[in-house]
Amino acid sequence: MKIKMYGMAPDGEIVRDDAEVFEGSDAQEIVQAMMATTPLANGQTEAAFMRDVLARIGHPGHKLPTEPIPACEAFLGLLQDYGLAEEM
């Protein structure tokens, strides 16, 4: 599974020429790869990281499933819905 993640400008615009590709065998491995490249994620749980990302992109308080893999799948789905990611 591969996901292309786009950057976001301070004004909230999606920056398509600022993209990073993350891959893993499932959504949880992709979230872990995202965390590994994010200094602010150091020491965070996956759930905390995903909540922080959603808050930073203007969607705080979104409820994700409690189980890790379904939560990661839902998180990546939201990023795709918001135009910040696409499956490759």
N, C-alpha and C. Protein backbone atom coordinates (compact mmCIF):
# COMPACT_ATOMS: atom_id res chain seq x y z
N MET A 1 0.85 -1.16 0.00
CA MET A 1 0.00 0.00 0.00
C MET A 1 0.90 1.23 0.00
N LYS A 2 0.58 2.20 -0.86
CA LYS A 2 1.33 3.45 -0.93
C LYS A 2 0.36 4.62 -0.88
N ILE A 3 0.76 5.64 -0.15
CA ILE A 3 -0.03 6.86 -0.04
C ILE A 3 0.87 8.05 -0.36
N LYS A 4 0.38 8.94 -1.21
CA LYS A 4 1.09 10.19 -1.47
C LYS A 4 0.41 11.27 -0.62
N MET A 5 1.21 11.91 0.22
CA MET A 5 0.71 12.96 1.11
C MET A 5 1.18 14.30 0.58
N TYR A 6 0.25 15.24 0.52
CA TYR A 6 0.57 16.59 0.08
C TYR A 6 0.77 17.51 1.27
N GLY A 7 1.56 18.55 1.05
CA GLY A 7 1.78 19.54 2.09
C GLY A 7 0.61 20.52 2.15
N MET A 8 0.65 21.33 3.21
CA MET A 8 -0.39 22.33 3.38
C MET A 8 0.27 23.65 3.72
N ALA A 9 -0.11 24.69 3.00
CA ALA A 9 0.41 26.04 3.24
C ALA A 9 -0.22 26.60 4.52
N PRO A 10 0.40 27.62 5.12
CA PRO A 10 -0.16 28.21 6.34
C PRO A 10 -1.61 28.70 6.18
N ASP A 11 -1.99 29.07 4.95
CA ASP A 11 -3.36 29.53 4.73
C ASP A 11 -4.35 28.39 4.52
N GLY A 12 -3.87 27.14 4.60
CA GLY A 12 -4.73 25.98 4.47
C GLY A 12 -4.82 25.41 3.06
N GLU A 13 -4.15 26.06 2.11
CA GLU A 13 -4.15 25.55 0.74
C GLU A 13 -3.29 24.30 0.63
N ILE A 14 -3.74 23.33 -0.15
CA ILE A 14 -2.98 22.11 -0.38
C ILE A 14 -1.88 22.42 -1.39
N VAL A 15 -0.66 21.99 -1.07
CA VAL A 15 0.49 22.25 -1.93
C VAL A 15 0.84 20.94 -2.64
N ARG A 16 0.43 20.83 -3.88
CA ARG A 16 0.60 19.58 -4.63
C ARG A 16 2.05 19.29 -5.01
N ASP A 17 2.88 20.33 -5.11
CA ASP A 17 4.28 20.06 -5.47
C ASP A 17 5.13 19.77 -4.24
N ASP A 18 4.51 19.70 -3.09
CA ASP A 18 5.17 19.33 -1.84
C ASP A 18 4.54 18.02 -1.39
N ALA A 19 5.05 16.90 -1.90
CA ALA A 19 4.44 15.61 -1.60
C ALA A 19 5.49 14.62 -1.10
N GLU A 20 5.02 13.73 -0.26
CA GLU A 20 5.86 12.65 0.26
C GLU A 20 5.10 11.35 0.07
N VAL A 21 5.82 10.30 -0.25
CA VAL A 21 5.19 8.99 -0.43
C VAL A 21 5.54 8.11 0.77
N PHE A 22 4.51 7.49 1.31
CA PHE A 22 4.68 6.57 2.43
C PHE A 22 4.13 5.22 1.99
N GLU A 23 4.82 4.16 2.39
CA GLU A 23 4.30 2.84 2.05
C GLU A 23 4.43 1.89 3.23
N GLY A 24 3.58 0.89 3.21
CA GLY A 24 3.58 -0.12 4.24
C GLY A 24 2.63 -1.24 3.84
N SER A 25 2.63 -2.29 4.62
CA SER A 25 1.77 -3.42 4.30
C SER A 25 0.31 -3.14 4.65
N ASP A 26 0.09 -2.16 5.53
CA ASP A 26 -1.28 -1.78 5.89
C ASP A 26 -1.29 -0.32 6.34
N ALA A 27 -2.47 0.18 6.67
CA ALA A 27 -2.62 1.58 7.04
C ALA A 27 -1.81 1.92 8.30
N GLN A 28 -1.73 1.01 9.23
CA GLN A 28 -0.99 1.27 10.46
C GLN A 28 0.49 1.49 10.17
N GLU A 29 1.08 0.69 9.29
CA GLU A 29 2.48 0.88 8.93
C GLU A 29 2.70 2.22 8.23
N ILE A 30 1.71 2.66 7.45
CA ILE A 30 1.84 3.96 6.80
C ILE A 30 1.81 5.08 7.84
N VAL A 31 0.91 4.99 8.80
CA VAL A 31 0.85 6.00 9.86
C VAL A 31 2.16 5.99 10.65
N GLN A 32 2.70 4.83 10.93
CA GLN A 32 3.98 4.74 11.64
C GLN A 32 5.10 5.37 10.82
N ALA A 33 5.07 5.19 9.50
CA ALA A 33 6.08 5.81 8.63
C ALA A 33 5.93 7.33 8.65
N MET A 34 4.70 7.81 8.67
CA MET A 34 4.47 9.25 8.77
C MET A 34 5.02 9.79 10.08
N MET A 35 4.78 9.05 11.15
CA MET A 35 5.26 9.47 12.46
C MET A 35 6.78 9.51 12.51
N ALA A 36 7.42 8.57 11.83
CA ALA A 36 8.89 8.50 11.85
C ALA A 36 9.52 9.72 11.19
N THR A 37 8.81 10.38 10.30
CA THR A 37 9.36 11.55 9.62
C THR A 37 8.86 12.86 10.22
N THR A 38 8.11 12.77 11.32
CA THR A 38 7.55 13.96 11.95
C THR A 38 8.16 14.14 13.33
N PRO A 39 9.08 15.10 13.48
CA PRO A 39 9.73 15.30 14.78
C PRO A 39 8.75 15.52 15.94
N LEU A 40 7.63 16.18 15.69
CA LEU A 40 6.66 16.42 16.76
C LEU A 40 5.98 15.15 17.24
N ALA A 41 6.08 14.07 16.47
CA ALA A 41 5.44 12.81 16.83
C ALA A 41 6.29 11.99 17.79
N ASN A 42 7.50 12.43 18.06
CA ASN A 42 8.41 11.67 18.92
C ASN A 42 7.75 11.41 20.28
N GLY A 43 7.54 10.15 20.58
CA GLY A 43 6.96 9.76 21.86
C GLY A 43 5.44 9.72 21.87
N GLN A 44 4.79 10.13 20.79
CA GLN A 44 3.33 10.10 20.74
C GLN A 44 2.82 8.70 20.39
N THR A 45 1.62 8.42 20.83
CA THR A 45 0.94 7.22 20.37
C THR A 45 0.39 7.49 18.98
N GLU A 46 0.03 6.46 18.26
CA GLU A 46 -0.57 6.64 16.94
C GLU A 46 -1.85 7.45 17.05
N ALA A 47 -2.67 7.14 18.05
CA ALA A 47 -3.94 7.86 18.23
C ALA A 47 -3.71 9.34 18.46
N ALA A 48 -2.74 9.68 19.31
CA ALA A 48 -2.45 11.09 19.58
C ALA A 48 -1.92 11.79 18.33
N PHE A 49 -1.07 11.12 17.60
CA PHE A 49 -0.53 11.68 16.35
C PHE A 49 -1.67 11.98 15.37
N MET A 50 -2.56 11.01 15.18
CA MET A 50 -3.64 11.20 14.22
C MET A 50 -4.57 12.33 14.66
N ARG A 51 -4.86 12.42 15.97
CA ARG A 51 -5.70 13.52 16.48
C ARG A 51 -5.02 14.86 16.23
N ASP A 52 -3.71 14.94 16.47
CA ASP A 52 -2.97 16.18 16.26
C ASP A 52 -2.98 16.60 14.79
N VAL A 53 -2.77 15.64 13.90
CA VAL A 53 -2.78 15.96 12.47
C VAL A 53 -4.16 16.48 12.07
N LEU A 54 -5.21 15.81 12.50
CA LEU A 54 -6.56 16.26 12.15
C LEU A 54 -6.84 17.65 12.71
N ALA A 55 -6.36 17.93 13.91
CA ALA A 55 -6.54 19.27 14.48
C ALA A 55 -5.78 20.32 13.68
N ARG A 56 -4.55 19.99 13.27
CA ARG A 56 -3.73 20.95 12.50
C ARG A 56 -4.33 21.27 11.14
N ILE A 57 -5.10 20.33 10.57
CA ILE A 57 -5.69 20.60 9.26
C ILE A 57 -7.12 21.12 9.38
N GLY A 58 -7.51 21.48 10.60
CA GLY A 58 -8.81 22.11 10.80
C GLY A 58 -9.97 21.17 11.07
N HIS A 59 -9.69 19.94 11.49
CA HIS A 59 -10.74 18.97 11.77
C HIS A 59 -10.55 18.34 13.15
N PRO A 60 -10.49 19.18 14.20
CA PRO A 60 -10.30 18.63 15.55
C PRO A 60 -11.54 17.89 16.02
N GLY A 61 -11.35 17.00 16.94
CA GLY A 61 -12.47 16.32 17.56
C GLY A 61 -13.09 15.21 16.75
N HIS A 62 -12.51 14.88 15.61
CA HIS A 62 -13.06 13.79 14.81
C HIS A 62 -12.83 12.47 15.55
N LYS A 63 -13.86 11.66 15.67
CA LYS A 63 -13.76 10.39 16.37
C LYS A 63 -13.27 9.30 15.42
N LEU A 64 -12.19 8.65 15.81
CA LEU A 64 -11.65 7.52 15.06
C LEU A 64 -11.96 6.24 15.82
N PRO A 65 -12.02 5.10 15.15
CA PRO A 65 -12.23 3.82 15.86
C PRO A 65 -11.15 3.62 16.92
N THR A 66 -11.45 2.81 17.91
CA THR A 66 -10.48 2.58 18.99
C THR A 66 -9.43 1.54 18.63
N GLU A 67 -9.75 0.62 17.74
CA GLU A 67 -8.77 -0.39 17.33
C GLU A 67 -7.76 0.25 16.38
N PRO A 68 -6.46 -0.06 16.54
CA PRO A 68 -5.42 0.62 15.78
C PRO A 68 -5.54 0.57 14.26
N ILE A 69 -5.71 -0.60 13.68
CA ILE A 69 -5.74 -0.67 12.20
C ILE A 69 -6.98 0.03 11.64
N PRO A 70 -8.19 -0.21 12.18
CA PRO A 70 -9.34 0.54 11.67
C PRO A 70 -9.20 2.05 11.87
N ALA A 71 -8.56 2.46 12.97
CA ALA A 71 -8.35 3.90 13.21
C ALA A 71 -7.42 4.48 12.15
N CYS A 72 -6.35 3.77 11.84
CA CYS A 72 -5.41 4.23 10.82
C CYS A 72 -6.06 4.26 9.44
N GLU A 73 -6.89 3.26 9.15
CA GLU A 73 -7.60 3.23 7.87
C GLU A 73 -8.55 4.43 7.76
N ALA A 74 -9.27 4.71 8.83
CA ALA A 74 -10.20 5.84 8.84
C ALA A 74 -9.45 7.16 8.70
N PHE A 75 -8.34 7.28 9.40
CA PHE A 75 -7.51 8.49 9.34
C PHE A 75 -7.02 8.75 7.92
N LEU A 76 -6.45 7.73 7.29
CA LEU A 76 -5.97 7.90 5.91
C LEU A 76 -7.12 8.19 4.96
N GLY A 77 -8.27 7.59 5.21
CA GLY A 77 -9.45 7.88 4.40
C GLY A 77 -9.88 9.34 4.53
N LEU A 78 -9.81 9.87 5.74
CA LEU A 78 -10.15 11.28 5.94
C LEU A 78 -9.17 12.18 5.20
N LEU A 79 -7.88 11.86 5.28
CA LEU A 79 -6.89 12.67 4.58
C LEU A 79 -7.15 12.65 3.07
N GLN A 80 -7.57 11.51 2.56
CA GLN A 80 -7.92 11.42 1.13
C GLN A 80 -9.17 12.24 0.85
N ASP A 81 -10.17 12.15 1.71
CA ASP A 81 -11.40 12.92 1.52
C ASP A 81 -11.12 14.42 1.52
N TYR A 82 -10.18 14.86 2.34
CA TYR A 82 -9.84 16.29 2.43
C TYR A 82 -8.88 16.73 1.34
N GLY A 83 -8.46 15.79 0.47
CA GLY A 83 -7.58 16.13 -0.64
C GLY A 83 -6.10 16.22 -0.29
N LEU A 84 -5.75 15.76 0.92
CA LEU A 84 -4.35 15.82 1.36
C LEU A 84 -3.56 14.57 1.04
N ALA A 85 -4.22 13.54 0.58
CA ALA A 85 -3.53 12.28 0.28
C ALA A 85 -4.25 11.57 -0.85
N GLU A 86 -3.51 10.70 -1.51
CA GLU A 86 -4.12 9.83 -2.52
C GLU A 86 -3.36 8.52 -2.54
N GLU A 87 -4.13 7.45 -2.77
CA GLU A 87 -3.50 6.13 -2.89
C GLU A 87 -2.76 6.05 -4.20
N MET A 88 -1.66 5.33 -4.20
CA MET A 88 -0.89 5.15 -5.42
C MET A 88 -0.96 3.69 -5.83
